[in-house]
N, C-alpha and C. Protein backbone atom coordinates (compact mmCIF):
# COMPACT_ATOMS: atom_id res chain seq x y z
N MET A 1 -54.15 -15.34 -11.25
CA MET A 1 -54.99 -14.79 -10.18
C MET A 1 -55.33 -15.88 -9.19
N ILE A 2 -55.22 -15.62 -7.93
CA ILE A 2 -55.53 -16.53 -6.85
C ILE A 2 -56.93 -16.14 -6.28
N THR A 3 -57.77 -17.12 -6.18
CA THR A 3 -59.12 -16.90 -5.66
C THR A 3 -59.24 -17.62 -4.33
N ALA A 4 -59.73 -16.92 -3.32
CA ALA A 4 -59.98 -17.54 -2.04
C ALA A 4 -61.36 -17.20 -1.60
N ILE A 5 -62.02 -18.23 -1.00
CA ILE A 5 -63.35 -18.09 -0.43
C ILE A 5 -63.19 -17.97 1.09
N VAL A 6 -63.61 -16.86 1.66
CA VAL A 6 -63.36 -16.65 3.06
C VAL A 6 -64.71 -16.66 3.82
N LEU A 7 -64.84 -17.64 4.73
CA LEU A 7 -66.02 -17.73 5.57
C LEU A 7 -65.79 -16.90 6.80
N ILE A 8 -66.72 -16.04 7.16
CA ILE A 8 -66.52 -15.10 8.23
C ILE A 8 -67.62 -15.21 9.27
N ASP A 9 -67.25 -15.45 10.53
CA ASP A 9 -68.19 -15.41 11.64
C ASP A 9 -68.05 -14.05 12.32
N THR A 10 -69.15 -13.45 12.65
CA THR A 10 -69.15 -12.13 13.24
C THR A 10 -69.97 -12.14 14.52
N GLU A 11 -69.86 -11.06 15.30
CA GLU A 11 -70.76 -10.83 16.43
C GLU A 11 -72.15 -10.61 15.79
N ALA A 12 -73.17 -11.13 16.36
CA ALA A 12 -74.52 -11.13 15.77
C ALA A 12 -75.00 -9.73 15.41
N ASP A 13 -74.67 -8.72 16.23
CA ASP A 13 -75.21 -7.39 16.02
C ASP A 13 -74.35 -6.57 15.07
N SER A 14 -73.30 -7.16 14.49
CA SER A 14 -72.39 -6.35 13.64
C SER A 14 -72.29 -6.86 12.18
N ILE A 15 -73.17 -7.75 11.81
CA ILE A 15 -73.09 -8.35 10.48
C ILE A 15 -73.08 -7.30 9.35
N PRO A 16 -74.07 -6.39 9.30
CA PRO A 16 -74.04 -5.38 8.22
C PRO A 16 -72.83 -4.48 8.19
N GLU A 17 -72.38 -4.05 9.33
CA GLU A 17 -71.24 -3.19 9.42
C GLU A 17 -69.97 -3.92 8.95
N VAL A 18 -69.78 -5.16 9.42
CA VAL A 18 -68.66 -5.93 8.98
C VAL A 18 -68.68 -6.20 7.52
N ALA A 19 -69.84 -6.57 7.00
CA ALA A 19 -69.98 -6.82 5.59
C ALA A 19 -69.60 -5.62 4.74
N GLY A 20 -70.00 -4.45 5.11
CA GLY A 20 -69.70 -3.22 4.38
C GLY A 20 -68.20 -2.97 4.42
N GLN A 21 -67.55 -3.15 5.55
CA GLN A 21 -66.12 -2.93 5.61
C GLN A 21 -65.33 -3.96 4.83
N VAL A 22 -65.74 -5.21 4.86
CA VAL A 22 -65.11 -6.25 4.09
C VAL A 22 -65.20 -5.95 2.64
N ALA A 23 -66.40 -5.56 2.15
CA ALA A 23 -66.62 -5.31 0.74
C ALA A 23 -65.75 -4.19 0.23
N GLU A 24 -65.33 -3.28 1.02
CA GLU A 24 -64.51 -2.16 0.60
C GLU A 24 -63.01 -2.43 0.53
N LEU A 25 -62.60 -3.55 1.03
CA LEU A 25 -61.14 -3.90 1.07
C LEU A 25 -60.60 -4.21 -0.30
N PRO A 26 -59.39 -3.72 -0.60
CA PRO A 26 -58.77 -4.10 -1.86
C PRO A 26 -58.54 -5.60 -1.88
N GLY A 27 -58.88 -6.21 -2.98
CA GLY A 27 -58.77 -7.66 -3.11
C GLY A 27 -60.02 -8.40 -2.89
N VAL A 28 -60.97 -7.79 -2.22
CA VAL A 28 -62.29 -8.40 -2.02
C VAL A 28 -63.19 -8.01 -3.17
N THR A 29 -63.65 -8.99 -3.91
CA THR A 29 -64.49 -8.70 -5.07
C THR A 29 -65.94 -8.76 -4.78
N GLU A 30 -66.32 -9.61 -3.81
CA GLU A 30 -67.74 -9.70 -3.40
C GLU A 30 -67.74 -10.08 -1.90
N ALA A 31 -68.83 -9.62 -1.25
CA ALA A 31 -69.07 -10.02 0.14
C ALA A 31 -70.59 -10.36 0.22
N PHE A 32 -70.93 -11.47 0.77
CA PHE A 32 -72.28 -11.95 0.87
C PHE A 32 -72.70 -12.20 2.29
N SER A 33 -73.84 -11.75 2.69
CA SER A 33 -74.49 -12.15 3.92
C SER A 33 -75.28 -13.44 3.57
N VAL A 34 -75.08 -14.51 4.36
CA VAL A 34 -75.60 -15.84 3.97
C VAL A 34 -76.31 -16.48 5.14
N THR A 35 -77.13 -17.53 4.79
CA THR A 35 -77.69 -18.36 5.78
C THR A 35 -76.75 -19.52 6.02
N GLY A 36 -76.91 -20.20 7.10
CA GLY A 36 -76.07 -21.37 7.37
C GLY A 36 -75.18 -21.19 8.55
N ASP A 37 -74.08 -21.85 8.56
CA ASP A 37 -73.15 -21.88 9.73
C ASP A 37 -72.26 -20.68 9.86
N VAL A 38 -72.18 -19.82 8.87
CA VAL A 38 -71.36 -18.63 8.95
C VAL A 38 -72.25 -17.40 8.62
N ASP A 39 -71.72 -16.26 8.94
CA ASP A 39 -72.50 -15.00 8.75
C ASP A 39 -72.25 -14.37 7.39
N LEU A 40 -70.97 -14.41 6.94
CA LEU A 40 -70.58 -13.78 5.71
C LEU A 40 -69.66 -14.63 4.91
N ILE A 41 -69.69 -14.49 3.58
CA ILE A 41 -68.71 -15.10 2.71
C ILE A 41 -68.10 -14.02 1.85
N ALA A 42 -66.79 -13.97 1.74
CA ALA A 42 -66.09 -13.03 0.94
C ALA A 42 -65.30 -13.74 -0.12
N MET A 43 -65.33 -13.21 -1.31
CA MET A 43 -64.49 -13.67 -2.43
C MET A 43 -63.29 -12.76 -2.49
N VAL A 44 -62.12 -13.32 -2.38
CA VAL A 44 -60.87 -12.56 -2.43
C VAL A 44 -60.08 -13.00 -3.66
N ARG A 45 -59.73 -12.05 -4.45
CA ARG A 45 -58.90 -12.35 -5.65
C ARG A 45 -57.65 -11.47 -5.61
N VAL A 46 -56.49 -12.13 -5.61
CA VAL A 46 -55.23 -11.42 -5.53
C VAL A 46 -54.21 -12.01 -6.60
N ALA A 47 -53.16 -11.33 -6.86
CA ALA A 47 -52.21 -11.78 -7.86
C ALA A 47 -51.33 -12.92 -7.37
N GLN A 48 -50.97 -12.92 -6.07
CA GLN A 48 -50.04 -13.93 -5.56
C GLN A 48 -50.53 -14.43 -4.20
N HIS A 49 -50.09 -15.69 -3.88
CA HIS A 49 -50.50 -16.28 -2.57
C HIS A 49 -50.13 -15.39 -1.42
N GLU A 50 -48.96 -14.79 -1.53
CA GLU A 50 -48.53 -13.92 -0.42
C GLU A 50 -49.45 -12.77 -0.13
N ASP A 51 -50.20 -12.34 -1.14
CA ASP A 51 -51.11 -11.25 -0.98
C ASP A 51 -52.34 -11.64 -0.13
N LEU A 52 -52.63 -12.93 -0.03
CA LEU A 52 -53.78 -13.38 0.76
C LEU A 52 -53.62 -13.00 2.21
N ALA A 53 -52.43 -13.15 2.78
CA ALA A 53 -52.26 -12.77 4.17
C ALA A 53 -52.56 -11.32 4.43
N GLY A 54 -52.17 -10.47 3.52
CA GLY A 54 -52.43 -9.03 3.65
C GLY A 54 -53.90 -8.73 3.71
N VAL A 55 -54.70 -9.43 2.89
CA VAL A 55 -56.14 -9.16 2.82
C VAL A 55 -56.83 -9.86 4.01
N ILE A 56 -56.54 -11.13 4.22
CA ILE A 56 -57.30 -11.91 5.17
C ILE A 56 -56.83 -11.76 6.61
N ALA A 57 -55.53 -12.04 6.86
CA ALA A 57 -54.99 -11.96 8.24
C ALA A 57 -54.82 -10.50 8.71
N ASP A 58 -54.36 -9.65 7.83
CA ASP A 58 -54.00 -8.29 8.22
C ASP A 58 -55.23 -7.33 8.18
N GLN A 59 -56.25 -7.69 7.37
CA GLN A 59 -57.38 -6.76 7.25
C GLN A 59 -58.69 -7.35 7.70
N ILE A 60 -59.20 -8.42 7.06
CA ILE A 60 -60.50 -8.97 7.40
C ILE A 60 -60.53 -9.40 8.86
N SER A 61 -59.51 -10.14 9.30
CA SER A 61 -59.53 -10.70 10.64
C SER A 61 -59.44 -9.58 11.73
N LYS A 62 -58.99 -8.40 11.39
CA LYS A 62 -58.85 -7.33 12.35
C LYS A 62 -60.02 -6.36 12.38
N ILE A 63 -61.04 -6.57 11.56
CA ILE A 63 -62.20 -5.73 11.63
C ILE A 63 -63.00 -6.00 12.88
N ASP A 64 -63.38 -4.95 13.58
CA ASP A 64 -64.15 -5.06 14.81
C ASP A 64 -65.42 -5.80 14.48
N GLY A 65 -65.71 -6.86 15.26
CA GLY A 65 -66.89 -7.67 15.09
C GLY A 65 -66.63 -9.01 14.44
N VAL A 66 -65.42 -9.17 13.84
CA VAL A 66 -65.05 -10.44 13.19
C VAL A 66 -64.61 -11.35 14.34
N VAL A 67 -65.22 -12.57 14.40
CA VAL A 67 -64.86 -13.50 15.46
C VAL A 67 -63.92 -14.54 14.94
N ARG A 68 -64.12 -14.99 13.69
CA ARG A 68 -63.32 -16.09 13.16
C ARG A 68 -63.47 -16.09 11.65
N THR A 69 -62.37 -16.54 10.98
CA THR A 69 -62.44 -16.70 9.52
C THR A 69 -61.93 -18.09 9.18
N GLN A 70 -62.43 -18.67 8.12
CA GLN A 70 -61.93 -19.92 7.51
C GLN A 70 -61.70 -19.60 6.02
N THR A 71 -60.58 -20.02 5.49
CA THR A 71 -60.22 -19.66 4.13
C THR A 71 -60.10 -20.94 3.30
N TYR A 72 -60.68 -20.90 2.09
CA TYR A 72 -60.56 -22.00 1.14
C TYR A 72 -59.94 -21.39 -0.12
N ILE A 73 -58.89 -21.99 -0.55
CA ILE A 73 -58.22 -21.49 -1.81
C ILE A 73 -58.67 -22.35 -2.96
N ALA A 74 -59.07 -21.70 -4.01
CA ALA A 74 -59.58 -22.38 -5.23
C ALA A 74 -58.36 -22.88 -6.02
N PHE A 75 -58.43 -24.15 -6.45
CA PHE A 75 -57.40 -24.71 -7.32
C PHE A 75 -57.67 -24.39 -8.79
N GLN A 76 -58.92 -24.46 -9.11
CA GLN A 76 -59.34 -24.35 -10.54
C GLN A 76 -60.59 -23.48 -10.60
N THR A 77 -60.70 -22.63 -11.63
CA THR A 77 -61.87 -21.81 -11.82
C THR A 77 -62.68 -22.39 -12.95
N TYR A 78 -64.00 -22.54 -12.71
CA TYR A 78 -64.89 -23.05 -13.73
C TYR A 78 -65.93 -22.04 -14.11
N SER A 79 -65.87 -20.82 -13.51
CA SER A 79 -66.82 -19.80 -13.72
C SER A 79 -66.52 -19.02 -15.04
N LYS A 80 -67.53 -18.87 -15.90
CA LYS A 80 -67.33 -18.17 -17.11
C LYS A 80 -66.97 -16.70 -16.78
N HIS A 81 -67.52 -16.13 -15.76
CA HIS A 81 -67.19 -14.74 -15.32
C HIS A 81 -65.68 -14.64 -15.06
N ASP A 82 -65.11 -15.53 -14.32
CA ASP A 82 -63.66 -15.46 -14.00
C ASP A 82 -62.79 -15.70 -15.24
N LEU A 83 -63.21 -16.65 -16.05
CA LEU A 83 -62.42 -16.90 -17.25
C LEU A 83 -62.46 -15.75 -18.21
N ASP A 84 -63.58 -15.15 -18.40
CA ASP A 84 -63.71 -13.93 -19.27
C ASP A 84 -62.82 -12.79 -18.72
N ALA A 85 -62.84 -12.61 -17.39
CA ALA A 85 -62.04 -11.55 -16.78
C ALA A 85 -60.58 -11.79 -17.01
N ALA A 86 -60.10 -13.06 -16.79
CA ALA A 86 -58.71 -13.36 -17.01
C ALA A 86 -58.27 -13.13 -18.45
N PHE A 87 -59.08 -13.53 -19.41
CA PHE A 87 -58.70 -13.32 -20.78
C PHE A 87 -58.71 -11.82 -21.17
N ALA A 88 -59.59 -11.02 -20.52
CA ALA A 88 -59.64 -9.62 -20.75
C ALA A 88 -58.36 -8.94 -20.27
N LEU A 89 -57.73 -9.50 -19.24
CA LEU A 89 -56.51 -8.92 -18.73
C LEU A 89 -55.29 -9.39 -19.50
N GLY A 90 -55.46 -10.37 -20.40
CA GLY A 90 -54.38 -10.86 -21.19
C GLY A 90 -53.57 -11.94 -20.48
N LEU A 91 -54.18 -12.55 -19.43
CA LEU A 91 -53.48 -13.65 -18.71
C LEU A 91 -53.63 -14.95 -19.43
N ASP A 92 -52.60 -15.77 -19.39
CA ASP A 92 -52.64 -17.12 -19.96
C ASP A 92 -52.71 -18.07 -18.75
N ASP A 93 -53.34 -19.18 -18.91
CA ASP A 93 -53.43 -20.21 -17.83
C ASP A 93 -53.05 -19.67 -16.55
């Protein structure tokens, strides 16, 4: 499983609407409205690197109100939640 953290800048008056649309996309497991330099953070989890483009470039970036995205790909997962989920699916390393 590939995990990407996507920082999303939106138009100021569209944060709730964008967040709702992002959260509904296949591959997006969480969407957060946050303080700081960006408006939203989305956690994207897909099976293959190639699937990231479909979620981020083809869907998130094209939502009305999205101004910019920055994507960070996780190399290693240290979260117990993610590890438990992977073992539940029968995945090895």
